[in-house]
Amino acid sequence: MYEVESYTTTDNERVTIMYDDSGDHNPREWDNLGTMVCWHGRYNLGDEQPTISPSEYAEDLPDGTVTLPLYLYDHGGITMSVGAFSCPFDSGQVGFIYATPEKVMECFLAAQDDERVIEALTAEVAEYDKYLQGEVYWYKVEKPVPCDHGDIHWEHVDSCGGYLGEDGINQIKAEWPEKELVTA
């Protein structure tokens, strides 16, 4: 794991934020509003990888289903979006994400509001994109403990992983506030 940053908390504990390369934090394994279906020859993306064509798959979706296209850019790494990328050579539509009216009612407990559904599906894709790009973070917190010889040793206090993107780093810092430097 590569260190991203390290700082001291208000309680003089040391927080180290690192890339979390455990691979255990795929947001598509969480409870999501949308279902991602993808067709790609080299990557196992999204929730489903159907063997039928995209048009055949879409025909079986119930009326009122909200769908958004999924585009993939593949050049030295992969990134996904609901909007097309500017490079036609290394990118293209790879599938779509959808929410059925039944799933919308289950998640929102209200009448379907397409604008709200589109926002939620777009946010799911952005979250998954952070995962695909390796923007997953882990932290450990240690406190200084003096030993009998007068040396300081660092004792484990807490650790956790699976924080996605800059929002994840901000969440860690909110849980473990950084000590402000006092200048004279």
N, C-alpha and C. Protein backbone atom coordinates (compact mmCIF):
# COMPACT_ATOMS: atom_id res chain seq x y z
N MET A 1 0.84 -1.18 0.00
CA MET A 1 0.00 0.00 0.00
C MET A 1 0.88 1.24 0.00
N TYR A 2 0.56 2.15 -0.89
CA TYR A 2 1.32 3.38 -1.00
C TYR A 2 0.68 4.48 -0.16
N GLU A 3 1.53 5.19 0.56
CA GLU A 3 1.06 6.26 1.42
C GLU A 3 0.64 7.46 0.58
N VAL A 4 -0.51 8.04 0.92
CA VAL A 4 -1.01 9.23 0.27
C VAL A 4 -0.63 10.45 1.10
N GLU A 5 -0.88 10.36 2.41
CA GLU A 5 -0.48 11.43 3.32
C GLU A 5 -0.52 10.92 4.75
N SER A 6 0.15 11.67 5.62
CA SER A 6 0.20 11.36 7.04
C SER A 6 0.11 12.68 7.79
N TYR A 7 -0.60 12.66 8.91
CA TYR A 7 -0.73 13.88 9.71
C TYR A 7 -0.97 13.52 11.16
N THR A 8 -0.91 14.52 12.03
CA THR A 8 -1.13 14.35 13.47
C THR A 8 -2.52 14.88 13.81
N THR A 9 -3.25 14.12 14.63
CA THR A 9 -4.60 14.54 15.02
C THR A 9 -4.53 15.51 16.20
N THR A 10 -5.70 16.02 16.55
CA THR A 10 -5.80 16.92 17.70
C THR A 10 -5.41 16.22 19.00
N ASP A 11 -5.45 14.89 19.04
CA ASP A 11 -5.05 14.11 20.22
C ASP A 11 -3.63 13.56 20.10
N ASN A 12 -2.84 14.13 19.19
CA ASN A 12 -1.45 13.71 18.95
C ASN A 12 -1.32 12.28 18.44
N GLU A 13 -2.35 11.78 17.81
CA GLU A 13 -2.27 10.48 17.17
C GLU A 13 -1.79 10.68 15.73
N ARG A 14 -1.18 9.67 15.17
CA ARG A 14 -0.68 9.73 13.80
C ARG A 14 -1.67 9.01 12.89
N VAL A 15 -2.13 9.70 11.87
CA VAL A 15 -3.04 9.12 10.88
C VAL A 15 -2.27 8.99 9.57
N THR A 16 -2.29 7.81 9.02
CA THR A 16 -1.65 7.56 7.73
C THR A 16 -2.73 7.10 6.76
N ILE A 17 -2.89 7.83 5.65
CA ILE A 17 -3.86 7.48 4.62
C ILE A 17 -3.08 6.86 3.45
N MET A 18 -3.55 5.69 3.01
CA MET A 18 -2.88 4.96 1.95
C MET A 18 -3.88 4.49 0.90
N TYR A 19 -3.38 4.16 -0.28
CA TYR A 19 -4.23 3.52 -1.27
C TYR A 19 -4.61 2.15 -0.76
N ASP A 20 -5.86 1.80 -0.91
CA ASP A 20 -6.36 0.49 -0.49
C ASP A 20 -6.42 -0.40 -1.71
N ASP A 21 -5.43 -1.26 -1.86
CA ASP A 21 -5.39 -2.13 -3.04
C ASP A 21 -5.86 -3.55 -2.74
N SER A 22 -6.68 -3.69 -1.69
CA SER A 22 -7.16 -5.02 -1.33
C SER A 22 -8.17 -5.56 -2.34
N GLY A 23 -8.83 -4.66 -3.08
CA GLY A 23 -9.80 -5.10 -4.08
C GLY A 23 -11.13 -5.52 -3.51
N ASP A 24 -11.35 -5.28 -2.22
CA ASP A 24 -12.58 -5.73 -1.56
C ASP A 24 -13.66 -4.67 -1.48
N HIS A 25 -13.56 -3.58 -2.21
CA HIS A 25 -14.47 -2.46 -1.99
C HIS A 25 -15.21 -2.03 -3.25
N ASN A 26 -15.66 -3.00 -4.04
CA ASN A 26 -16.39 -2.71 -5.26
C ASN A 26 -17.78 -2.19 -4.90
N PRO A 27 -18.09 -0.92 -5.22
CA PRO A 27 -19.40 -0.39 -4.86
C PRO A 27 -20.56 -1.07 -5.58
N ARG A 28 -20.30 -1.85 -6.61
CA ARG A 28 -21.38 -2.58 -7.27
C ARG A 28 -21.84 -3.76 -6.42
N GLU A 29 -21.12 -4.09 -5.37
CA GLU A 29 -21.54 -5.16 -4.47
C GLU A 29 -22.41 -4.64 -3.34
N TRP A 30 -22.62 -3.32 -3.30
CA TRP A 30 -23.47 -2.70 -2.29
C TRP A 30 -24.92 -2.72 -2.78
N ASP A 31 -25.82 -2.25 -1.96
CA ASP A 31 -27.22 -2.14 -2.35
C ASP A 31 -27.36 -0.87 -3.18
N ASN A 32 -27.64 -1.01 -4.45
CA ASN A 32 -27.71 0.11 -5.39
C ASN A 32 -29.09 0.24 -5.99
N LEU A 33 -29.41 1.45 -6.41
CA LEU A 33 -30.66 1.69 -7.14
C LEU A 33 -30.56 1.10 -8.54
N GLY A 34 -29.43 1.34 -9.19
CA GLY A 34 -29.27 0.93 -10.58
C GLY A 34 -28.64 -0.44 -10.75
N THR A 35 -28.83 -0.96 -11.93
CA THR A 35 -28.17 -2.19 -12.36
C THR A 35 -27.31 -1.82 -13.56
N MET A 36 -26.02 -2.12 -13.50
CA MET A 36 -25.11 -1.86 -14.61
C MET A 36 -24.96 -3.12 -15.45
N VAL A 37 -25.25 -2.98 -16.74
CA VAL A 37 -25.04 -4.09 -17.66
C VAL A 37 -23.99 -3.65 -18.68
N CYS A 38 -22.98 -4.48 -18.84
CA CYS A 38 -21.85 -4.10 -19.69
C CYS A 38 -21.46 -5.25 -20.62
N TRP A 39 -21.01 -4.84 -21.81
CA TRP A 39 -20.51 -5.79 -22.80
C TRP A 39 -19.09 -5.36 -23.14
N HIS A 40 -18.12 -6.16 -22.72
CA HIS A 40 -16.72 -5.84 -23.03
C HIS A 40 -15.94 -7.14 -23.15
N GLY A 41 -15.05 -7.19 -24.09
CA GLY A 41 -14.29 -8.42 -24.34
C GLY A 41 -13.17 -8.69 -23.35
N ARG A 42 -12.65 -7.65 -22.67
CA ARG A 42 -11.51 -7.84 -21.78
C ARG A 42 -11.80 -7.60 -20.29
N TYR A 43 -12.86 -6.87 -20.00
CA TYR A 43 -13.14 -6.51 -18.61
C TYR A 43 -14.50 -7.05 -18.18
N ASN A 44 -14.56 -7.45 -16.93
CA ASN A 44 -15.80 -7.88 -16.31
C ASN A 44 -16.33 -6.67 -15.53
N LEU A 45 -17.17 -5.87 -16.16
CA LEU A 45 -17.60 -4.60 -15.59
C LEU A 45 -19.05 -4.64 -15.11
N GLY A 46 -19.36 -3.78 -14.16
CA GLY A 46 -20.73 -3.60 -13.70
C GLY A 46 -21.27 -4.80 -12.95
N ASP A 47 -22.60 -4.95 -13.04
CA ASP A 47 -23.29 -6.01 -12.30
C ASP A 47 -23.54 -7.25 -13.15
N GLU A 48 -23.80 -7.04 -14.43
CA GLU A 48 -24.13 -8.15 -15.31
C GLU A 48 -23.36 -8.02 -16.62
N GLN A 49 -23.02 -9.15 -17.21
CA GLN A 49 -22.37 -9.21 -18.51
C GLN A 49 -23.19 -10.18 -19.38
N PRO A 50 -24.31 -9.68 -19.92
CA PRO A 50 -25.23 -10.55 -20.66
C PRO A 50 -24.61 -11.15 -21.92
N THR A 51 -25.17 -12.25 -22.34
CA THR A 51 -24.72 -12.89 -23.57
C THR A 51 -25.59 -12.48 -24.75
N ILE A 52 -26.72 -11.83 -24.47
CA ILE A 52 -27.57 -11.33 -25.56
C ILE A 52 -27.16 -9.90 -25.88
N SER A 53 -27.63 -9.39 -27.00
CA SER A 53 -27.27 -8.04 -27.44
C SER A 53 -27.89 -6.98 -26.53
N PRO A 54 -27.31 -5.79 -26.51
CA PRO A 54 -27.89 -4.70 -25.70
C PRO A 54 -29.35 -4.41 -26.06
N SER A 55 -29.67 -4.41 -27.35
CA SER A 55 -31.06 -4.12 -27.74
C SER A 55 -32.01 -5.21 -27.26
N GLU A 56 -31.59 -6.47 -27.34
CA GLU A 56 -32.42 -7.57 -26.84
C GLU A 56 -32.62 -7.44 -25.33
N TYR A 57 -31.54 -7.09 -24.64
CA TYR A 57 -31.62 -6.93 -23.18
C TYR A 57 -32.60 -5.81 -22.83
N ALA A 58 -32.48 -4.67 -23.53
CA ALA A 58 -33.32 -3.51 -23.24
C ALA A 58 -34.80 -3.79 -23.53
N GLU A 59 -35.08 -4.63 -24.51
CA GLU A 59 -36.47 -4.98 -24.85
C GLU A 59 -37.20 -5.61 -23.67
N ASP A 60 -36.48 -6.32 -22.81
CA ASP A 60 -37.10 -7.03 -21.70
C ASP A 60 -37.30 -6.17 -20.46
N LEU A 61 -36.84 -4.92 -20.49
CA LEU A 61 -37.00 -4.05 -19.33
C LEU A 61 -38.43 -3.52 -19.27
N PRO A 62 -38.99 -3.36 -18.07
CA PRO A 62 -40.38 -2.88 -17.97
C PRO A 62 -40.53 -1.43 -18.42
N ASP A 63 -41.73 -1.08 -18.82
CA ASP A 63 -42.03 0.31 -19.19
C ASP A 63 -41.73 1.21 -17.99
N GLY A 64 -41.23 2.41 -18.30
CA GLY A 64 -40.93 3.36 -17.23
C GLY A 64 -39.53 3.21 -16.66
N THR A 65 -38.75 2.26 -17.17
CA THR A 65 -37.38 2.07 -16.70
C THR A 65 -36.53 3.24 -17.17
N VAL A 66 -35.73 3.79 -16.25
CA VAL A 66 -34.82 4.88 -16.58
C VAL A 66 -33.47 4.27 -16.92
N THR A 67 -32.93 4.61 -18.09
CA THR A 67 -31.62 4.09 -18.50
C THR A 67 -30.69 5.24 -18.87
N LEU A 68 -29.43 5.04 -18.57
CA LEU A 68 -28.38 5.97 -18.96
C LEU A 68 -27.26 5.16 -19.61
N PRO A 69 -26.64 5.69 -20.65
CA PRO A 69 -25.54 4.97 -21.30
C PRO A 69 -24.30 4.95 -20.41
N LEU A 70 -23.48 3.93 -20.59
CA LEU A 70 -22.19 3.83 -19.90
C LEU A 70 -21.09 3.86 -20.96
N TYR A 71 -20.17 4.79 -20.78
CA TYR A 71 -19.05 4.91 -21.70
C TYR A 71 -17.76 4.57 -20.95
N LEU A 72 -16.84 3.91 -21.65
CA LEU A 72 -15.57 3.52 -21.07
C LEU A 72 -14.44 4.14 -21.88
N TYR A 73 -13.47 4.69 -21.18
CA TYR A 73 -12.24 5.19 -21.80
C TYR A 73 -11.14 4.27 -21.31
N ASP A 74 -10.41 3.65 -22.21
CA ASP A 74 -9.39 2.65 -21.88
C ASP A 74 -8.07 3.05 -22.52
N HIS A 75 -7.21 3.66 -21.72
CA HIS A 75 -5.89 4.08 -22.20
C HIS A 75 -4.96 4.20 -21.00
N GLY A 76 -4.20 3.15 -20.71
CA GLY A 76 -3.30 3.15 -19.56
C GLY A 76 -4.06 3.05 -18.25
N GLY A 77 -5.28 2.64 -18.28
CA GLY A 77 -6.19 2.55 -17.15
C GLY A 77 -7.58 2.74 -17.72
N ILE A 78 -8.59 2.49 -16.89
CA ILE A 78 -9.95 2.65 -17.40
C ILE A 78 -10.72 3.65 -16.54
N THR A 79 -11.64 4.34 -17.19
CA THR A 79 -12.53 5.26 -16.50
C THR A 79 -13.90 5.15 -17.16
N MET A 80 -14.95 5.34 -16.36
CA MET A 80 -16.31 5.17 -16.85
C MET A 80 -17.13 6.42 -16.56
N SER A 81 -18.09 6.68 -17.45
CA SER A 81 -18.93 7.86 -17.32
C SER A 81 -20.27 7.62 -17.99
N VAL A 82 -21.26 8.45 -17.64
CA VAL A 82 -22.54 8.40 -18.37
C VAL A 82 -22.50 9.31 -19.59
N GLY A 83 -21.42 10.08 -19.74
CA GLY A 83 -21.23 10.94 -20.90
C GLY A 83 -20.10 10.42 -21.76
N ALA A 84 -20.20 10.66 -23.05
CA ALA A 84 -19.17 10.17 -23.98
C ALA A 84 -17.85 10.90 -23.75
N PHE A 85 -16.75 10.22 -24.02
CA PHE A 85 -15.41 10.79 -23.94
C PHE A 85 -15.05 11.37 -25.30
N SER A 86 -14.09 12.28 -25.30
CA SER A 86 -13.74 12.97 -26.55
C SER A 86 -12.88 12.14 -27.50
N CYS A 87 -12.25 11.08 -27.01
CA CYS A 87 -11.37 10.28 -27.86
C CYS A 87 -12.14 9.07 -28.41
N PRO A 88 -12.50 9.07 -29.69
CA PRO A 88 -13.27 7.95 -30.22
C PRO A 88 -12.45 6.68 -30.39
N PHE A 89 -11.13 6.80 -30.44
CA PHE A 89 -10.29 5.61 -30.65
C PHE A 89 -10.22 4.74 -29.40
N ASP A 90 -10.06 5.36 -28.21
CA ASP A 90 -9.89 4.62 -26.97
C ASP A 90 -11.15 4.56 -26.10
N SER A 91 -12.28 4.98 -26.64
CA SER A 91 -13.49 5.00 -25.82
C SER A 91 -14.70 4.62 -26.65
N GLY A 92 -15.77 4.33 -25.95
CA GLY A 92 -17.03 4.01 -26.61
C GLY A 92 -18.04 3.54 -25.59
N GLN A 93 -19.27 3.35 -26.05
CA GLN A 93 -20.31 2.88 -25.14
C GLN A 93 -20.08 1.41 -24.84
N VAL A 94 -20.13 1.09 -23.56
CA VAL A 94 -19.85 -0.27 -23.11
C VAL A 94 -21.10 -0.94 -22.53
N GLY A 95 -22.18 -0.18 -22.34
CA GLY A 95 -23.39 -0.72 -21.76
C GLY A 95 -24.30 0.38 -21.27
N PHE A 96 -25.11 0.06 -20.26
CA PHE A 96 -25.98 1.07 -19.68
C PHE A 96 -26.30 0.71 -18.24
N ILE A 97 -26.75 1.71 -17.50
CA ILE A 97 -27.23 1.51 -16.13
C ILE A 97 -28.71 1.83 -16.16
N TYR A 98 -29.49 1.06 -15.41
CA TYR A 98 -30.93 1.29 -15.42
C TYR A 98 -31.52 1.10 -14.02
N ALA A 99 -32.71 1.71 -13.86
CA ALA A 99 -33.50 1.55 -12.64
C ALA A 99 -34.93 1.29 -13.05
N THR A 100 -35.48 0.18 -12.62
CA THR A 100 -36.86 -0.15 -12.93
C THR A 100 -37.79 0.65 -12.02
N PRO A 101 -39.04 0.86 -12.45
CA PRO A 101 -39.99 1.57 -11.57
C PRO A 101 -40.14 0.88 -10.20
N GLU A 102 -40.10 -0.44 -10.20
CA GLU A 102 -40.21 -1.19 -8.94
C GLU A 102 -39.03 -0.88 -8.01
N LYS A 103 -37.82 -0.84 -8.55
CA LYS A 103 -36.63 -0.55 -7.74
C LYS A 103 -36.66 0.91 -7.25
N VAL A 104 -37.16 1.82 -8.09
CA VAL A 104 -37.27 3.22 -7.69
C VAL A 104 -38.22 3.34 -6.50
N MET A 105 -39.36 2.68 -6.56
CA MET A 105 -40.32 2.72 -5.45
C MET A 105 -39.71 2.12 -4.18
N GLU A 106 -38.96 1.05 -4.35
CA GLU A 106 -38.30 0.40 -3.20
C GLU A 106 -37.28 1.32 -2.55
N CYS A 107 -36.52 2.06 -3.35
CA CYS A 107 -35.45 2.90 -2.82
C CYS A 107 -35.92 4.28 -2.38
N PHE A 108 -36.86 4.87 -3.13
CA PHE A 108 -37.28 6.23 -2.83
C PHE A 108 -38.60 6.29 -2.06
N LEU A 109 -39.36 5.19 -2.05
CA LEU A 109 -40.65 5.13 -1.38
C LEU A 109 -41.55 6.29 -1.80
N ALA A 110 -41.49 6.66 -3.05
CA ALA A 110 -42.30 7.75 -3.57
C ALA A 110 -42.52 7.54 -5.06
N ALA A 111 -43.35 8.36 -5.62
CA ALA A 111 -43.58 8.29 -7.06
C ALA A 111 -42.27 8.56 -7.79
N GLN A 112 -42.13 7.97 -8.93
CA GLN A 112 -40.89 8.10 -9.70
C GLN A 112 -40.66 9.54 -10.13
N ASP A 113 -39.50 10.05 -9.81
CA ASP A 113 -39.05 11.38 -10.22
C ASP A 113 -37.80 11.13 -11.07
N ASP A 114 -37.97 11.17 -12.41
CA ASP A 114 -36.88 10.81 -13.31
C ASP A 114 -35.61 11.62 -13.07
N GLU A 115 -35.77 12.90 -12.76
CA GLU A 115 -34.59 13.74 -12.52
C GLU A 115 -33.79 13.24 -11.31
N ARG A 116 -34.50 12.89 -10.26
CA ARG A 116 -33.84 12.35 -9.05
C ARG A 116 -33.20 10.99 -9.34
N VAL A 117 -33.87 10.17 -10.11
CA VAL A 117 -33.33 8.86 -10.48
C VAL A 117 -32.06 9.03 -11.31
N ILE A 118 -32.08 9.94 -12.28
CA ILE A 118 -30.91 10.20 -13.11
C ILE A 118 -29.74 10.67 -12.26
N GLU A 119 -30.00 11.56 -11.29
CA GLU A 119 -28.94 12.02 -10.37
C GLU A 119 -28.35 10.85 -9.60
N ALA A 120 -29.21 9.97 -9.09
CA ALA A 120 -28.73 8.82 -8.30
C ALA A 120 -27.92 7.86 -9.16
N LEU A 121 -28.39 7.57 -10.37
CA LEU A 121 -27.66 6.66 -11.26
C LEU A 121 -26.32 7.27 -11.67
N THR A 122 -26.29 8.55 -11.95
CA THR A 122 -25.05 9.23 -12.30
C THR A 122 -24.06 9.17 -11.15
N ALA A 123 -24.55 9.35 -9.93
CA ALA A 123 -23.69 9.27 -8.74
C ALA A 123 -23.13 7.85 -8.56
N GLU A 124 -23.94 6.84 -8.84
CA GLU A 124 -23.45 5.46 -8.75
C GLU A 124 -22.32 5.20 -9.74
N VAL A 125 -22.46 5.73 -10.95
CA VAL A 125 -21.43 5.55 -11.96
C VAL A 125 -20.16 6.29 -11.54
N ALA A 126 -20.29 7.50 -11.01
CA ALA A 126 -19.13 8.27 -10.56
C ALA A 126 -18.40 7.53 -9.42
N GLU A 127 -19.16 6.92 -8.53
CA GLU A 127 -18.57 6.15 -7.43
C GLU A 127 -17.83 4.92 -7.96
N TYR A 128 -18.45 4.22 -8.88
CA TYR A 128 -17.82 3.05 -9.49
C TYR A 128 -16.56 3.45 -10.26
N ASP A 129 -16.60 4.61 -10.91
CA ASP A 129 -15.44 5.11 -11.63
C ASP A 129 -14.26 5.33 -10.69
N LYS A 130 -14.52 5.86 -9.50
CA LYS A 130 -13.43 6.04 -8.51
C LYS A 130 -12.80 4.69 -8.18
N TYR A 131 -13.64 3.69 -8.03
CA TYR A 131 -13.15 2.33 -7.76
C TYR A 131 -12.31 1.82 -8.93
N LEU A 132 -12.81 1.99 -10.16
CA LEU A 132 -12.08 1.52 -11.34
C LEU A 132 -10.73 2.20 -11.49
N GLN A 133 -10.66 3.47 -11.09
CA GLN A 133 -9.41 4.23 -11.21
C GLN A 133 -8.47 4.01 -10.03
N GLY A 134 -8.87 3.22 -9.06
CA GLY A 134 -8.00 2.94 -7.92
C GLY A 134 -8.02 4.03 -6.85
N GLU A 135 -9.04 4.87 -6.86
CA GLU A 135 -9.17 5.92 -5.85
C GLU A 135 -9.89 5.38 -4.62
N VAL A 136 -9.31 4.34 -4.04
CA VAL A 136 -9.84 3.71 -2.85
C VAL A 136 -8.78 3.85 -1.76
N TYR A 137 -9.20 4.30 -0.58
CA TYR A 137 -8.23 4.63 0.47
C TYR A 137 -8.50 3.86 1.75
N TRP A 138 -7.44 3.72 2.50
CA TRP A 138 -7.41 3.01 3.77
C TRP A 138 -6.64 3.90 4.74
N TYR A 139 -7.00 3.86 5.99
CA TYR A 139 -6.24 4.64 6.97
C TYR A 139 -5.88 3.78 8.17
N LYS A 140 -4.83 4.21 8.87
CA LYS A 140 -4.50 3.62 10.17
C LYS A 140 -4.19 4.77 11.12
N VAL A 141 -4.58 4.57 12.37
CA VAL A 141 -4.33 5.57 13.41
C VAL A 141 -3.47 4.90 14.47
N GLU A 142 -2.41 5.60 14.87
CA GLU A 142 -1.51 5.09 15.89
C GLU A 142 -1.29 6.18 16.93
N LYS A 143 -1.09 5.76 18.18
CA LYS A 143 -0.79 6.73 19.22
C LYS A 143 0.62 6.49 19.74
N PRO A 144 1.28 7.58 20.18
CA PRO A 144 2.64 7.42 20.70
C PRO A 144 2.60 6.85 22.12
N VAL A 145 3.42 5.83 22.33
CA VAL A 145 3.52 5.21 23.65
C VAL A 145 5.00 5.11 24.02
N PRO A 146 5.41 5.79 25.12
CA PRO A 146 6.82 5.68 25.53
C PRO A 146 7.09 4.31 26.15
N CYS A 147 8.26 3.78 25.87
CA CYS A 147 8.64 2.50 26.46
C CYS A 147 9.57 2.76 27.65
N ASP A 148 9.98 1.70 28.31
CA ASP A 148 10.85 1.80 29.50
C ASP A 148 12.20 2.42 29.19
N HIS A 149 12.62 2.37 27.94
CA HIS A 149 13.92 2.90 27.55
C HIS A 149 13.84 4.37 27.10
N GLY A 150 12.65 4.95 27.17
CA GLY A 150 12.48 6.34 26.80
C GLY A 150 12.19 6.56 25.33
N ASP A 151 12.13 5.48 24.55
CA ASP A 151 11.80 5.60 23.13
C ASP A 151 10.28 5.68 22.96
N ILE A 152 9.87 6.22 21.84
CA ILE A 152 8.44 6.27 21.50
C ILE A 152 8.14 5.16 20.50
N HIS A 153 7.13 4.38 20.81
CA HIS A 153 6.64 3.35 19.91
C HIS A 153 5.21 3.72 19.52
N TRP A 154 4.81 3.31 18.35
CA TRP A 154 3.47 3.65 17.87
C TRP A 154 2.55 2.45 18.00
N GLU A 155 1.49 2.62 18.78
CA GLU A 155 0.52 1.56 19.06
C GLU A 155 -0.72 1.75 18.19
N HIS A 156 -1.19 0.68 17.58
CA HIS A 156 -2.37 0.71 16.72
C HIS A 156 -3.61 1.13 17.52
N VAL A 157 -4.36 2.09 16.99
CA VAL A 157 -5.60 2.55 17.61
C VAL A 157 -6.80 2.12 16.77
N ASP A 158 -6.71 2.35 15.47
CA ASP A 158 -7.83 2.06 14.59
C ASP A 158 -7.34 1.99 13.15
N SER A 159 -8.13 1.32 12.30
CA SER A 159 -7.87 1.31 10.86
C SER A 159 -9.15 0.91 10.15
N CYS A 160 -9.27 1.37 8.91
CA CYS A 160 -10.45 1.05 8.13
C CYS A 160 -10.15 1.34 6.67
N GLY A 161 -10.82 0.66 5.77
CA GLY A 161 -10.60 0.86 4.34
C GLY A 161 -11.90 1.04 3.59
N GLY A 162 -11.76 1.24 2.29
CA GLY A 162 -12.92 1.34 1.42
C GLY A 162 -13.44 2.74 1.20
N TYR A 163 -12.65 3.75 1.51
CA TYR A 163 -13.07 5.14 1.30
C TYR A 163 -12.78 5.51 -0.16
N LEU A 164 -13.78 6.05 -0.84
CA LEU A 164 -13.66 6.33 -2.27
C LEU A 164 -13.45 7.81 -2.56
N GLY A 165 -12.42 8.11 -3.36
CA GLY A 165 -12.18 9.44 -3.87
C GLY A 165 -11.83 10.48 -2.83
N GLU A 166 -11.83 11.73 -3.28
CA GLU A 166 -11.52 12.86 -2.41
C GLU A 166 -12.52 12.97 -1.27
N ASP A 167 -13.78 12.63 -1.55
CA ASP A 167 -14.79 12.63 -0.49
C ASP A 167 -14.42 11.64 0.61
N GLY A 168 -13.84 10.52 0.23
CA GLY A 168 -13.41 9.53 1.22
C GLY A 168 -12.29 10.05 2.09
N ILE A 169 -11.33 10.74 1.48
CA ILE A 169 -10.24 11.34 2.26
C ILE A 169 -10.80 12.38 3.22
N ASN A 170 -11.75 13.20 2.73
CA ASN A 170 -12.36 14.20 3.60
C ASN A 170 -13.14 13.57 4.75
N GLN A 171 -13.76 12.43 4.49
CA GLN A 171 -14.49 11.72 5.55
C GLN A 171 -13.52 11.19 6.61
N ILE A 172 -12.38 10.67 6.19
CA ILE A 172 -11.37 10.21 7.15
C ILE A 172 -10.91 11.38 8.01
N LYS A 173 -10.64 12.51 7.37
CA LYS A 173 -10.16 13.68 8.11
C LYS A 173 -11.23 14.24 9.05
N ALA A 174 -12.50 14.06 8.70
CA ALA A 174 -13.58 14.50 9.60
C ALA A 174 -13.64 13.58 10.82
N GLU A 175 -13.38 12.28 10.61
CA GLU A 175 -13.39 11.33 11.73
C GLU A 175 -12.16 11.50 12.62
N TRP A 176 -11.05 11.87 12.02
CA TRP A 176 -9.78 12.03 12.73
C TRP A 176 -9.22 13.42 12.40
N PRO A 177 -9.74 14.48 13.07
CA PRO A 177 -9.35 15.86 12.72
C PRO A 177 -7.86 16.11 12.87
N GLU A 178 -7.36 16.84 11.90
CA GLU A 178 -5.93 17.20 11.86
C GLU A 178 -5.64 18.30 12.86
N LYS A 179 -4.51 18.16 13.53
CA LYS A 179 -4.07 19.20 14.48
C LYS A 179 -3.65 20.43 13.69
N GLU A 180 -4.15 21.58 14.10
CA GLU A 180 -3.77 22.81 13.44
C GLU A 180 -2.42 23.26 13.95
N LEU A 181 -1.58 23.69 13.03
CA LEU A 181 -0.26 24.16 13.39
C LEU A 181 -0.37 25.56 13.98
N VAL A 182 0.28 25.77 15.11
CA VAL A 182 0.25 27.06 15.75
C VAL A 182 1.57 27.75 15.43
N THR A 183 1.48 28.94 14.86
CA THR A 183 2.70 29.68 14.52
C THR A 183 2.81 30.88 15.46
N ALA A 184 4.03 31.19 15.83
CA ALA A 184 4.26 32.29 16.78
C ALA A 184 4.44 33.59 16.06
